[in-house]
Amino acid sequence: MALKASDFLAGKSAERHEVETPAGVLVVYVKPMTWIQQQEAISKFVDFVIEGEDMKPRIDFGGYWQYVLRNCITDTEPKIEKKDLVNLSPEVGASLVEVLPGIDSLIATMTGGEPRPLE
């Protein structure tokens, strides 16, 4: 079987998910991240701050999830505008996390390992 250029590219089509939330069922269409988007997402999540002679990581979960909401969700039912996705209630956001690219799986993908829970 001959390889095609598309075999090397991230999928462009979004996968449909029905998410049970406390407010009811939310249908979301989630597309996979490209390799570059994975790099960008990590840069939104962790940054290094230099304090004197020490370099300490600064973790920003909000930055990561904002990036994922904007770049991975292509549509919702009922329709939620992209600008409004950052205003989801905590309960709905917690339900939605189940179908979005998680930080642990992203880090595992980048390091070639299995996903591990963050400590």
PDB file of N, CA and C in Angstrom:
ATOM      1  N   MET A   1       0.840  -1.176   0.000  1.00  0.00           N
ATOM      2  CA  MET A   1       0.000   0.000   0.000  1.00  0.00           C
ATOM      3  C   MET A   1       0.890   1.247   0.000  1.00  0.00           C
ATOM      4  N   ALA A   2       0.660   2.125  -0.925  1.00  0.00           N
ATOM      5  CA  ALA A   2       1.474   3.330  -1.059  1.00  0.00           C
ATOM      6  C   ALA A   2       1.013   4.397  -0.069  1.00  0.00           C
ATOM      7  N   LEU A   3       1.993   5.064   0.502  1.00  0.00           N
ATOM      8  CA  LEU A   3       1.682   6.165   1.416  1.00  0.00           C
ATOM      9  C   LEU A   3       1.286   7.404   0.629  1.00  0.00           C
ATOM     10  N   LYS A   4       0.401   8.190   1.237  1.00  0.00           N
ATOM     11  CA  LYS A   4      -0.029   9.460   0.643  1.00  0.00           C
ATOM     12  C   LYS A   4       0.402  10.575   1.588  1.00  0.00           C
ATOM     13  N   ALA A   5       0.501  11.769   1.063  1.00  0.00           N
ATOM     14  CA  ALA A   5       0.874  12.919   1.886  1.00  0.00           C
ATOM     15  C   ALA A   5      -0.084  13.068   3.060  1.00  0.00           C
ATOM     16  N   SER A   6      -1.365  12.791   2.844  1.00  0.00           N
ATOM     17  CA  SER A   6      -2.358  12.944   3.914  1.00  0.00           C
ATOM     18  C   SER A   6      -2.117  11.985   5.083  1.00  0.00           C
ATOM     19  N   ASP A   7      -1.360  10.892   4.835  1.00  0.00           N
ATOM     20  CA  ASP A   7      -1.033   9.962   5.925  1.00  0.00           C
ATOM     21  C   ASP A   7      -0.156  10.621   6.997  1.00  0.00           C
ATOM     22  N   PHE A   8       0.494  11.706   6.646  1.00  0.00           N
ATOM     23  CA  PHE A   8       1.424  12.381   7.549  1.00  0.00           C
ATOM     24  C   PHE A   8       0.816  13.618   8.217  1.00  0.00           C
ATOM     25  N   LEU A   9      -0.432  13.928   7.898  1.00  0.00           N
ATOM     26  CA  LEU A   9      -1.067  15.146   8.396  1.00  0.00           C
ATOM     27  C   LEU A   9      -2.120  14.834   9.450  1.00  0.00           C
ATOM     28  N   ALA A  10      -2.342  15.788  10.331  1.00  0.00           N
ATOM     29  CA  ALA A  10      -3.397  15.646  11.337  1.00  0.00           C
ATOM     30  C   ALA A  10      -4.752  15.681  10.633  1.00  0.00           C
ATOM     31  N   GLY A  11      -5.702  14.962  11.196  1.00  0.00           N
ATOM     32  CA  GLY A  11      -7.047  14.951  10.625  1.00  0.00           C
ATOM     33  C   GLY A  11      -7.676  16.332  10.685  1.00  0.00           C
ATOM     34  N   LYS A  12      -8.459  16.635   9.676  1.00  0.00           N
ATOM     35  CA  LYS A  12      -9.123  17.938   9.634  1.00  0.00           C
ATOM     36  C   LYS A  12     -10.568  17.864  10.083  1.00  0.00           C
ATOM     37  N   SER A  13     -11.121  16.658  10.104  1.00  0.00           N
ATOM     38  CA  SER A  13     -12.529  16.541  10.462  1.00  0.00           C
ATOM     39  C   SER A  13     -12.693  16.434  11.974  1.00  0.00           C
ATOM     40  N   ALA A  14     -13.746  17.035  12.443  1.00  0.00           N
ATOM     41  CA  ALA A  14     -14.036  17.046  13.871  1.00  0.00           C
ATOM     42  C   ALA A  14     -14.901  15.838  14.226  1.00  0.00           C
ATOM     43  N   GLU A  15     -14.670  15.305  15.418  1.00  0.00           N
ATOM     44  CA  GLU A  15     -15.445  14.177  15.906  1.00  0.00           C
ATOM     45  C   GLU A  15     -16.587  14.688  16.775  1.00  0.00           C
ATOM     46  N   ARG A  16     -17.762  14.122  16.575  1.00  0.00           N
ATOM     47  CA  ARG A  16     -18.953  14.532  17.314  1.00  0.00           C
ATOM     48  C   ARG A  16     -19.005  13.797  18.649  1.00  0.00           C
ATOM     49  N   HIS A  17     -19.248  14.542  19.734  1.00  0.00           N
ATOM     50  CA  HIS A  17     -19.374  13.981  21.082  1.00  0.00           C
ATOM     51  C   HIS A  17     -20.636  14.516  21.738  1.00  0.00           C
ATOM     52  N   GLU A  18     -21.380  13.640  22.370  1.00  0.00           N
ATOM     53  CA  GLU A  18     -22.515  14.066  23.192  1.00  0.00           C
ATOM     54  C   GLU A  18     -22.040  14.037  24.633  1.00  0.00           C
ATOM     55  N   VAL A  19     -22.050  15.191  25.271  1.00  0.00           N
ATOM     56  CA  VAL A  19     -21.524  15.321  26.632  1.00  0.00           C
ATOM     57  C   VAL A  19     -22.686  15.560  27.592  1.00  0.00           C
ATOM     58  N   GLU A  20     -22.816  14.665  28.557  1.00  0.00           N
ATOM     59  CA  GLU A  20     -23.824  14.833  29.610  1.00  0.00           C
ATOM     60  C   GLU A  20     -23.304  15.860  30.602  1.00  0.00           C
ATOM     61  N   THR A  21     -24.028  16.941  30.770  1.00  0.00           N
ATOM     62  CA  THR A  21     -23.645  17.975  31.732  1.00  0.00           C
ATOM     63  C   THR A  21     -24.804  18.166  32.712  1.00  0.00           C
ATOM     64  N   PRO A  22     -24.573  18.827  33.840  1.00  0.00           N
ATOM     65  CA  PRO A  22     -25.668  19.118  34.765  1.00  0.00           C
ATOM     66  C   PRO A  22     -26.779  19.961  34.119  1.00  0.00           C
ATOM     67  N   ALA A  23     -26.442  20.697  33.069  1.00  0.00           N
ATOM     68  CA  ALA A  23     -27.430  21.540  32.390  1.00  0.00           C
ATOM     69  C   ALA A  23     -28.157  20.800  31.268  1.00  0.00           C
ATOM     70  N   GLY A  24     -27.721  19.603  30.934  1.00  0.00           N
ATOM     71  CA  GLY A  24     -28.301  18.838  29.834  1.00  0.00           C
ATOM     72  C   GLY A  24     -27.213  18.382  28.879  1.00  0.00           C
ATOM     73  N   VAL A  25     -27.625  17.780  27.769  1.00  0.00           N
ATOM     74  CA  VAL A  25     -26.670  17.252  26.791  1.00  0.00           C
ATOM     75  C   VAL A  25     -26.133  18.390  25.922  1.00  0.00           C
ATOM     76  N   LEU A  26     -24.824  18.458  25.823  1.00  0.00           N
ATOM     77  CA  LEU A  26     -24.153  19.412  24.949  1.00  0.00           C
ATOM     78  C   LEU A  26     -23.411  18.598  23.896  1.00  0.00           C
ATOM     79  N   VAL A  27     -23.697  18.854  22.639  1.00  0.00           N
ATOM     80  CA  VAL A  27     -22.992  18.188  21.553  1.00  0.00           C
ATOM     81  C   VAL A  27     -21.831  19.094  21.145  1.00  0.00           C
ATOM     82  N   VAL A  28     -20.630  18.524  21.120  1.00  0.00           N
ATOM     83  CA  VAL A  28     -19.442  19.282  20.715  1.00  0.00           C
ATOM     84  C   VAL A  28     -18.727  18.527  19.600  1.00  0.00           C
ATOM     85  N   TYR A  29     -18.181  19.278  18.691  1.00  0.00           N
ATOM     86  CA  TYR A  29     -17.392  18.728  17.594  1.00  0.00           C
ATOM     87  C   TYR A  29     -15.943  19.118  17.873  1.00  0.00           C
ATOM     88  N   VAL A  30     -15.102  18.107  18.067  1.00  0.00           N
ATOM     89  CA  VAL A  30     -13.717  18.329  18.478  1.00  0.00           C
ATOM     90  C   VAL A  30     -12.778  17.817  17.396  1.00  0.00           C
ATOM     91  N   LYS A  31     -11.887  18.688  16.932  1.00  0.00           N
ATOM     92  CA  LYS A  31     -10.896  18.262  15.940  1.00  0.00           C
ATOM     93  C   LYS A  31      -9.558  18.046  16.647  1.00  0.00           C
ATOM     94  N   PRO A  32      -8.738  17.150  16.108  1.00  0.00           N
ATOM     95  CA  PRO A  32      -7.439  16.886  16.726  1.00  0.00           C
ATOM     96  C   PRO A  32      -6.479  18.059  16.516  1.00  0.00           C
ATOM     97  N   MET A  33      -5.522  18.167  17.414  1.00  0.00           N
ATOM     98  CA  MET A  33      -4.504  19.203  17.287  1.00  0.00           C
ATOM     99  C   MET A  33      -3.409  18.741  16.328  1.00  0.00           C
ATOM    100  N   THR A  34      -2.859  19.685  15.608  1.00  0.00           N
ATOM    101  CA  THR A  34      -1.673  19.399  14.802  1.00  0.00           C
ATOM    102  C   THR A  34      -0.459  19.402  15.735  1.00  0.00           C
ATOM    103  N   TRP A  35       0.672  18.963  15.219  1.00  0.00           N
ATOM    104  CA  TRP A  35       1.901  18.949  16.018  1.00  0.00           C
ATOM    105  C   TRP A  35       2.249  20.368  16.492  1.00  0.00           C
ATOM    106  N   ILE A  36       2.131  21.346  15.607  1.00  0.00           N
ATOM    107  CA  ILE A  36       2.433  22.739  15.982  1.00  0.00           C
ATOM    108  C   ILE A  36       1.446  23.229  17.028  1.00  0.00           C
ATOM    109  N   GLN A  37       0.179  22.901  16.876  1.00  0.00           N
ATOM    110  CA  GLN A  37      -0.811  23.312  17.880  1.00  0.00           C
ATOM    111  C   GLN A  37      -0.496  22.686  19.237  1.00  0.00           C
ATOM    112  N   GLN A  38       0.003  21.458  19.253  1.00  0.00           N
ATOM    113  CA  GLN A  38       0.408  20.852  20.525  1.00  0.00           C
ATOM    114  C   GLN A  38       1.516  21.665  21.176  1.00  0.00           C
ATOM    115  N   GLN A  39       2.481  22.106  20.390  1.00  0.00           N
ATOM    116  CA  GLN A  39       3.579  22.924  20.917  1.00  0.00           C
ATOM    117  C   GLN A  39       3.037  24.245  21.479  1.00  0.00           C
ATOM    118  N   GLU A  40       2.127  24.861  20.722  1.00  0.00           N
ATOM    119  CA  GLU A  40       1.529  26.123  21.170  1.00  0.00           C
ATOM    120  C   GLU A  40       0.726  25.926  22.449  1.00  0.00           C
ATOM    121  N   ALA A  41      -0.021  24.828  22.529  1.00  0.00           N
ATOM    122  CA  ALA A  41      -0.841  24.556  23.715  1.00  0.00           C
ATOM    123  C   ALA A  41       0.035  24.396  24.951  1.00  0.00           C
ATOM    124  N   ILE A  42       1.149  23.692  24.812  1.00  0.00           N
ATOM    125  CA  ILE A  42       2.071  23.531  25.949  1.00  0.00           C
ATOM    126  C   ILE A  42       2.621  24.884  26.360  1.00  0.00           C
ATOM    127  N   SER A  43       2.918  25.754  25.395  1.00  0.00           N
ATOM    128  CA  SER A  43       3.458  27.078  25.744  1.00  0.00           C
ATOM    129  C   SER A  43       2.424  27.916  26.485  1.00  0.00           C
ATOM    130  N   LYS A  44       1.134  27.626  26.288  1.00  0.00           N
ATOM    131  CA  LYS A  44       0.080  28.330  27.026  1.00  0.00           C
ATOM    132  C   LYS A  44      -0.059  27.778  28.441  1.00  0.00           C
ATOM    133  N   PHE A  45       0.422  26.553  28.645  1.00  0.00           N
ATOM    134  CA  PHE A  45       0.259  25.860  29.914  1.00  0.00           C
ATOM    135  C   PHE A  45       1.419  26.111  30.880  1.00  0.00           C
ATOM    136  N   VAL A  46       2.624  26.067  30.373  1.00  0.00           N
ATOM    137  CA  VAL A  46       3.774  26.204  31.269  1.00  0.00           C
ATOM    138  C   VAL A  46       4.741  27.248  30.719  1.00  0.00           C
ATOM    139  N   ASP A  47       5.240  28.038  31.621  1.00  0.00           N
ATOM    140  CA  ASP A  47       6.216  29.068  31.298  1.00  0.00           C
ATOM    141  C   ASP A  47       7.250  29.018  32.414  1.00  0.00           C
ATOM    142  N   PHE A  48       8.437  29.472  32.135  1.00  0.00           N
ATOM    143  CA  PHE A  48       9.461  29.461  33.169  1.00  0.00           C
ATOM    144  C   PHE A  48       9.789  30.888  33.582  1.00  0.00           C
ATOM    145  N   VAL A  49       9.812  31.091  34.887  1.00  0.00           N
ATOM    146  CA  VAL A  49      10.069  32.403  35.464  1.00  0.00           C
ATOM    147  C   VAL A  49      11.419  32.337  36.176  1.00  0.00           C
ATOM    148  N   ILE A  50      12.252  33.321  35.905  1.00  0.00           N
ATOM    149  CA  ILE A  50      13.556  33.369  36.557  1.00  0.00           C
ATOM    150  C   ILE A  50      13.460  34.288  37.758  1.00  0.00           C
ATOM    151  N   GLU A  51      13.749  33.709  38.922  1.00  0.00           N
ATOM    152  CA  GLU A  51      13.761  34.456  40.181  1.00  0.00           C
ATOM    153  C   GLU A  51      15.155  34.338  40.768  1.00  0.00           C
ATOM    154  N   GLY A  52      15.955  35.394  40.589  1.00  0.00           N
ATOM    155  CA  GLY A  52      17.341  35.333  41.042  1.00  0.00           C
ATOM    156  C   GLY A  52      18.095  34.319  40.205  1.00  0.00           C
ATOM    157  N   GLU A  53      18.631  33.305  40.876  1.00  0.00           N
ATOM    158  CA  GLU A  53      19.350  32.255  40.161  1.00  0.00           C
ATOM    159  C   GLU A  53      18.488  31.025  39.920  1.00  0.00           C
ATOM    160  N   ASP A  54      17.249  31.081  40.373  1.00  0.00           N
ATOM    161  CA  ASP A  54      16.343  29.946  40.210  1.00  0.00           C
ATOM    162  C   ASP A  54      15.423  30.144  39.014  1.00  0.00           C
ATOM    163  N   MET A  55      15.165  29.046  38.319  1.00  0.00           N
ATOM    164  CA  MET A  55      14.188  29.060  37.239  1.00  0.00           C
ATOM    165  C   MET A  55      13.045  28.149  37.678  1.00  0.00           C
ATOM    166  N   LYS A  56      11.845  28.744  37.811  1.00  0.00           N
ATOM    167  CA  LYS A  56      10.693  28.002  38.309  1.00  0.00           C
ATOM    168  C   LYS A  56       9.605  27.959  37.250  1.00  0.00           C
ATOM    169  N   PRO A  57       8.928  26.815  37.134  1.00  0.00           N
ATOM    170  CA  PRO A  57       7.815  26.760  36.179  1.00  0.00           C
ATOM    171  C   PRO A  57       6.599  27.497  36.718  1.00  0.00           C
ATOM    172  N   ARG A  58       5.900  28.133  35.825  1.00  0.00           N
ATOM    173  CA  ARG A  58       4.628  28.773  36.167  1.00  0.00           C
ATOM    174  C   ARG A  58       3.551  28.041  35.354  1.00  0.00           C
ATOM    175  N   ILE A  59       2.599  27.473  36.050  1.00  0.00           N
ATOM    176  CA  ILE A  59       1.554  26.668  35.429  1.00  0.00           C
ATOM    177  C   ILE A  59       0.308  27.535  35.229  1.00  0.00           C
ATOM    178  N   ASP A  60      -0.277  27.446  34.025  1.00  0.00           N
ATOM    179  CA  ASP A  60      -1.473  28.220  33.699  1.00  0.00           C
ATOM    180  C   ASP A  60      -2.504  27.305  33.038  1.00  0.00           C
ATOM    181  N   PHE A  61      -3.314  26.645  33.865  1.00  0.00           N
ATOM    182  CA  PHE A  61      -4.351  25.764  33.327  1.00  0.00           C
ATOM    183  C   PHE A  61      -5.346  26.549  32.480  1.00  0.00           C
ATOM    184  N   GLY A  62      -5.687  27.758  32.908  1.00  0.00           N
ATOM    185  CA  GLY A  62      -6.641  28.584  32.171  1.00  0.00           C
ATOM    186  C   GLY A  62      -6.158  28.888  30.762  1.00  0.00           C
ATOM    187  N   GLY A  63      -4.887  29.205  30.625  1.00  0.00           N
ATOM    188  CA  GLY A  63      -4.325  29.483  29.311  1.00  0.00           C
ATOM    189  C   GLY A  63      -4.409  28.274  28.395  1.00  0.00           C
ATOM    190  N   TYR A  64      -4.131  27.103  28.958  1.00  0.00           N
ATOM    191  CA  TYR A  64      -4.212  25.871  28.178  1.00  0.00           C
ATOM    192  C   TYR A  64      -5.639  25.623  27.698  1.00  0.00           C
ATOM    193  N   TRP A  65      -6.593  25.667  28.640  1.00  0.00           N
ATOM    194  CA  TRP A  65      -7.981  25.353  28.273  1.00  0.00           C
ATOM    195  C   TRP A  65      -8.564  26.390  27.329  1.00  0.00           C
ATOM    196  N   GLN A  66      -8.191  27.661  27.470  1.00  0.00           N
ATOM    197  CA  GLN A  66      -8.651  28.671  26.509  1.00  0.00           C
ATOM    198  C   GLN A  66      -8.155  28.329  25.113  1.00  0.00           C
ATOM    199  N   TYR A  67      -6.895  27.918  25.016  1.00  0.00           N
ATOM    200  CA  TYR A  67      -6.328  27.546  23.722  1.00  0.00           C
ATOM    201  C   TYR A  67      -7.092  26.360  23.129  1.00  0.00           C
ATOM    202  N   VAL A  68      -7.331  25.334  23.939  1.00  0.00           N
ATOM    203  CA  VAL A  68      -8.038  24.141  23.461  1.00  0.00           C
ATOM    204  C   VAL A  68      -9.464  24.481  23.039  1.00  0.00           C
ATOM    205  N   LEU A  69     -10.172  25.264  23.834  1.00  0.00           N
ATOM    206  CA  LEU A  69     -11.545  25.639  23.481  1.00  0.00           C
ATOM    207  C   LEU A  69     -11.592  26.368  22.142  1.00  0.00           C
ATOM    208  N   ARG A  70     -10.659  27.278  21.926  1.00  0.00           N
ATOM    209  CA  ARG A  70     -10.653  28.065  20.689  1.00  0.00           C
ATOM    210  C   ARG A  70     -10.228  27.250  19.469  1.00  0.00           C
ATOM    211  N   ASN A  71      -9.296  26.314  19.668  1.00  0.00           N
ATOM    212  CA  ASN A  71      -8.690  25.633  18.528  1.00  0.00           C
ATOM    213  C   ASN A  71      -9.200  24.221  18.257  1.00  0.00           C
ATOM    214  N   CYS A  72      -9.822  23.589  19.212  1.00  0.00           N
ATOM    215  CA  CYS A  72     -10.264  22.206  19.015  1.00  0.00           C
ATOM    216  C   CYS A  72     -11.770  22.058  18.843  1.00  0.00           C
ATOM    217  N   ILE A  73     -12.548  22.936  19.430  1.00  0.00           N
ATOM    218  CA  ILE A  73     -14.004  22.854  19.274  1.00  0.00           C
ATOM    219  C   ILE A  73     -14.394  23.641  18.027  1.00  0.00           C
ATOM    220  N   THR A  74     -14.982  22.917  17.077  1.00  0.00           N
ATOM    221  CA  THR A  74     -15.381  23.572  15.828  1.00  0.00           C
ATOM    222  C   THR A  74     -16.839  24.005  15.839  1.00  0.00           C
ATOM    223  N   ASP A  75     -17.676  23.313  16.646  1.00  0.00           N
ATOM    224  CA  ASP A  75     -19.089  23.661  16.690  1.00  0.00           C
ATOM    225  C   ASP A  75     -19.716  23.017  17.921  1.00  0.00           C
ATOM    226  N   THR A  76     -20.878  23.512  18.299  1.00  0.00           N
ATOM    227  CA  THR A  76     -21.633  22.938  19.413  1.00  0.00           C
ATOM    228  C   THR A  76     -23.115  22.941  19.071  1.00  0.00           C
ATOM    229  N   GLU A  77     -23.859  22.084  19.739  1.00  0.00           N
ATOM    230  CA  GLU A  77     -25.322  22.061  19.666  1.00  0.00           C
ATOM    231  C   GLU A  77     -25.829  21.994  21.094  1.00  0.00           C
ATOM    232  N   PRO A  78     -26.545  22.973  21.598  1.00  0.00           N
ATOM    233  CA  PRO A  78     -26.909  24.210  20.910  1.00  0.00           C
ATOM    234  C   PRO A  78     -25.667  25.053  20.613  1.00  0.00           C
ATOM    235  N   LYS A  79     -25.846  25.964  19.674  1.00  0.00           N
ATOM    236  CA  LYS A  79     -24.736  26.798  19.206  1.00  0.00           C
ATOM    237  C   LYS A  79     -24.233  27.713  20.317  1.00  0.00           C
ATOM    238  N   ILE A  80     -22.929  27.592  20.617  1.00  0.00           N
ATOM    239  CA  ILE A  80     -22.255  28.503  21.545  1.00  0.00           C
ATOM    240  C   ILE A  80     -21.137  29.161  20.746  1.00  0.00           C
ATOM    241  N   GLU A  81     -21.136  30.475  20.708  1.00  0.00           N
ATOM    242  CA  GLU A  81     -20.094  31.198  19.984  1.00  0.00           C
ATOM    243  C   GLU A  81     -18.733  30.928  20.625  1.00  0.00           C
ATOM    244  N   LYS A  82     -17.688  30.905  19.801  1.00  0.00           N
ATOM    245  CA  LYS A  82     -16.327  30.642  20.319  1.00  0.00           C
ATOM    246  C   LYS A  82     -15.959  31.595  21.441  1.00  0.00           C
ATOM    247  N   LYS A  83     -16.335  32.854  21.303  1.00  0.00           N
ATOM    248  CA  LYS A  83     -15.988  33.840  22.333  1.00  0.00           C
ATOM    249  C   LYS A  83     -16.680  33.540  23.658  1.00  0.00           C
ATOM    250  N   ASP A  84     -17.792  32.807  23.609  1.00  0.00           N
ATOM    251  CA  ASP A  84     -18.527  32.487  24.826  1.00  0.00           C
ATOM    252  C   ASP A  84     -18.102  31.172  25.472  1.00  0.00           C
ATOM    253  N   LEU A  85     -17.298  30.376  24.778  1.00  0.00           N
ATOM    254  CA  LEU A  85     -16.856  29.104  25.357  1.00  0.00           C
ATOM    255  C   LEU A  85     -16.056  29.296  26.645  1.00  0.00           C
ATOM    256  N   VAL A  86     -15.389  30.431  26.783  1.00  0.00           N
ATOM    257  CA  VAL A  86     -14.614  30.689  28.005  1.00  0.00           C
ATOM    258  C   VAL A  86     -15.519  31.027  29.185  1.00  0.00           C
ATOM    259  N   ASN A  87     -16.809  31.155  28.945  1.00  0.00           N
ATOM    260  CA  ASN A  87     -17.755  31.485  30.009  1.00  0.00           C
ATOM    261  C   ASN A  87     -18.590  30.295  30.462  1.00  0.00           C
ATOM    262  N   LEU A  88     -18.158  29.084  30.124  1.00  0.00           N
ATOM    263  CA  LEU A  88     -18.886  27.898  30.568  1.00  0.00           C
ATOM    264  C   LEU A  88     -18.897  27.824  32.089  1.00  0.00           C
ATOM    265  N   SER A  89     -19.964  27.273  32.640  1.00  0.00           N
ATOM    266  CA  SER A  89     -19.995  27.085  34.096  1.00  0.00           C
ATOM    267  C   SER A  89     -18.960  26.028  34.470  1.00  0.00           C
ATOM    268  N   PRO A  90     -18.452  26.056  35.708  1.00  0.00           N
ATOM    269  CA  PRO A  90     -17.468  25.054  36.136  1.00  0.00           C
ATOM    270  C   PRO A  90     -17.968  23.618  35.956  1.00  0.00           C
ATOM    271  N   GLU A  91     -19.242  23.394  36.195  1.00  0.00           N
ATOM    272  CA  GLU A  91     -19.798  22.041  36.079  1.00  0.00           C
ATOM    273  C   GLU A  91     -19.807  21.570  34.618  1.00  0.00           C
ATOM    274  N   VAL A  92     -20.175  22.461  33.708  1.00  0.00           N
ATOM    275  CA  VAL A  92     -20.194  22.112  32.283  1.00  0.00           C
ATOM    276  C   VAL A  92     -18.758  21.917  31.792  1.00  0.00           C
ATOM    277  N   GLY A  93     -17.862  22.804  32.192  1.00  0.00           N
ATOM    278  CA  GLY A  93     -16.450  22.670  31.809  1.00  0.00           C
ATOM    279  C   GLY A  93     -15.854  21.356  32.279  1.00  0.00           C
ATOM    280  N   ALA A  94     -16.180  20.953  33.506  1.00  0.00           N
ATOM    281  CA  ALA A  94     -15.668  19.685  34.043  1.00  0.00           C
ATOM    282  C   ALA A  94     -16.175  18.503  33.227  1.00  0.00           C
ATOM    283  N   SER A  95     -17.395  18.566  32.731  1.00  0.00           N
ATOM    284  CA  SER A  95     -17.936  17.499  31.886  1.00  0.00           C
ATOM    285  C   SER A  95     -17.275  17.509  30.507  1.00  0.00           C
ATOM    286  N   LEU A  96     -17.034  18.681  29.981  1.00  0.00           N
ATOM    287  CA  LEU A  96     -16.462  18.832  28.647  1.00  0.00           C
ATOM    288  C   LEU A  96     -15.017  18.341  28.570  1.00  0.00           C
ATOM    289  N   VAL A  97     -14.300  18.448  29.664  1.00  0.00           N
ATOM    290  CA  VAL A  97     -12.897  18.025  29.710  1.00  0.00           C
ATOM    291  C   VAL A  97     -12.730  16.573  29.276  1.00  0.00           C
ATOM    292  N   GLU A  98     -13.758  15.765  29.497  1.00  0.00           N
ATOM    293  CA  GLU A  98     -13.684  14.337  29.160  1.00  0.00           C
ATOM    294  C   GLU A  98     -13.460  14.084  27.668  1.00  0.00           C
ATOM    295  N   VAL A  99     -13.853  15.013  26.789  1.00  0.00           N
ATOM    296  CA  VAL A  99     -13.729  14.789  25.350  1.00  0.00           C
ATOM    297  C   VAL A  99     -12.685  15.692  24.684  1.00  0.00           C
ATOM    298  N   LEU A 100     -12.034  16.541  25.469  1.00  0.00           N
ATOM    299  CA  LEU A 100     -11.025  17.448  24.927  1.00  0.00           C
ATOM    300  C   LEU A 100      -9.623  16.888  25.158  1.00  0.00           C
ATOM    301  N   PRO A 101      -8.653  17.321  24.341  1.00  0.00           N
ATOM    302  CA  PRO A 101      -7.274  16.873  24.563  1.00  0.00           C
ATOM    303  C   PRO A 101      -6.791  17.356  25.928  1.00  0.00           C
ATOM    304  N   GLY A 102      -6.473  16.416  26.802  1.00  0.00           N
ATOM    305  CA  GLY A 102      -6.028  16.746  28.148  1.00  0.00           C
ATOM    306  C   GLY A 102      -4.542  17.045  28.210  1.00  0.00           C
ATOM    307  N   ILE A 103      -4.155  17.753  29.225  1.00  0.00           N
ATOM    308  CA  ILE A 103      -2.760  18.126  29.406  1.00  0.00           C
ATOM    309  C   ILE A 103      -1.887  16.889  29.567  1.00  0.00           C
ATOM    310  N   ASP A 104      -2.344  15.906  30.359  1.00  0.00           N
ATOM    311  CA  ASP A 104      -1.528  14.718  30.589  1.00  0.00           C
ATOM    312  C   ASP A 104      -1.306  13.921  29.309  1.00  0.00           C
ATOM    313  N   SER A 105      -2.339  13.763  28.481  1.00  0.00           N
ATOM    314  CA  SER A 105      -2.164  13.022  27.236  1.00  0.00           C
ATOM    315  C   SER A 105      -1.307  13.814  26.252  1.00  0.00           C
ATOM    316  N   LEU A 106      -1.411  15.132  26.278  1.00  0.00           N
ATOM    317  CA  LEU A 106      -0.595  15.972  25.403  1.00  0.00           C
ATOM    318  C   LEU A 106       0.883  15.838  25.758  1.00  0.00           C
ATOM    319  N   ILE A 107       1.184  15.895  27.039  1.00  0.00           N
ATOM    320  CA  ILE A 107       2.572  15.757  27.479  1.00  0.00           C
ATOM    321  C   ILE A 107       3.098  14.374  27.130  1.00  0.00           C
ATOM    322  N   ALA A 108       2.284  13.342  27.325  1.00  0.00           N
ATOM    323  CA  ALA A 108       2.699  11.980  26.997  1.00  0.00           C
ATOM    324  C   ALA A 108       2.968  11.839  25.503  1.00  0.00           C
ATOM    325  N   THR A 109       2.130  12.429  24.679  1.00  0.00           N
ATOM    326  CA  THR A 109       2.314  12.372  23.232  1.00  0.00           C
ATOM    327  C   THR A 109       3.631  13.027  22.840  1.00  0.00           C
ATOM    328  N   MET A 110       3.927  14.161  23.474  1.00  0.00           N
ATOM    329  CA  MET A 110       5.137  14.899  23.130  1.00  0.00           C
ATOM    330  C   MET A 110       6.403  14.192  23.608  1.00  0.00           C
ATOM    331  N   THR A 111       6.303  13.430  24.686  1.00  0.00           N
ATOM    332  CA  THR A 111       7.480  12.756  25.229  1.00  0.00           C
ATOM    333  C   THR A 111       7.561  11.298  24.800  1.00  0.00           C
ATOM    334  N   GLY A 112       6.542  10.830  24.069  1.00  0.00           N
ATOM    335  CA  GLY A 112       6.541   9.460  23.607  1.00  0.00           C
ATOM    336  C   GLY A 112       6.177   8.440  24.651  1.00  0.00           C
ATOM    337  N   GLY A 113       5.587   8.883  25.750  1.00  0.00           N
ATOM    338  CA  GLY A 113       5.226   7.972  26.834  1.00  0.00           C
ATOM    339  C   GLY A 113       3.741   7.796  26.952  1.00  0.00           C
ATOM    340  N   GLU A 114       3.348   7.103  27.994  1.00  0.00           N
ATOM    341  CA  GLU A 114       1.936   6.899  28.303  1.00  0.00           C
ATOM    342  C   GLU A 114       1.447   8.084  29.139  1.00  0.00           C
ATOM    343  N   PRO A 115       0.170   8.460  28.999  1.00  0.00           N
ATOM    344  CA  PRO A 115      -0.353   9.549  29.829  1.00  0.00           C
ATOM    345  C   PRO A 115      -0.237   9.217  31.304  1.00  0.00           C
ATOM    346  N   ARG A 116       0.214  10.184  32.085  1.00  0.00           N
ATOM    347  CA  ARG A 116       0.293  10.043  33.526  1.00  0.00           C
ATOM    348  C   ARG A 116      -0.446  11.198  34.159  1.00  0.00           C
ATOM    349  N   PRO A 117      -1.059  10.957  35.308  1.00  0.00           N
ATOM    350  CA  PRO A 117      -1.726  12.073  35.992  1.00  0.00           C
ATOM    351  C   PRO A 117      -0.700  13.118  36.430  1.00  0.00           C
ATOM    352  N   LEU A 118      -1.103  14.387  36.369  1.00  0.00           N
ATOM    353  CA  LEU A 118      -0.228  15.453  36.866  1.00  0.00           C
ATOM    354  C   LEU A 118      -0.175  15.411  38.377  1.00  0.00           C
ATOM    355  N   GLU A 119       0.980  15.702  38.909  1.00  0.00           N
ATOM    356  CA  GLU A 119       1.142  15.698  40.362  1.00  0.00           C
ATOM    357  C   GLU A 119       1.126  17.104  40.901  1.00  0.00           C
TER     358      GLU A 119
END
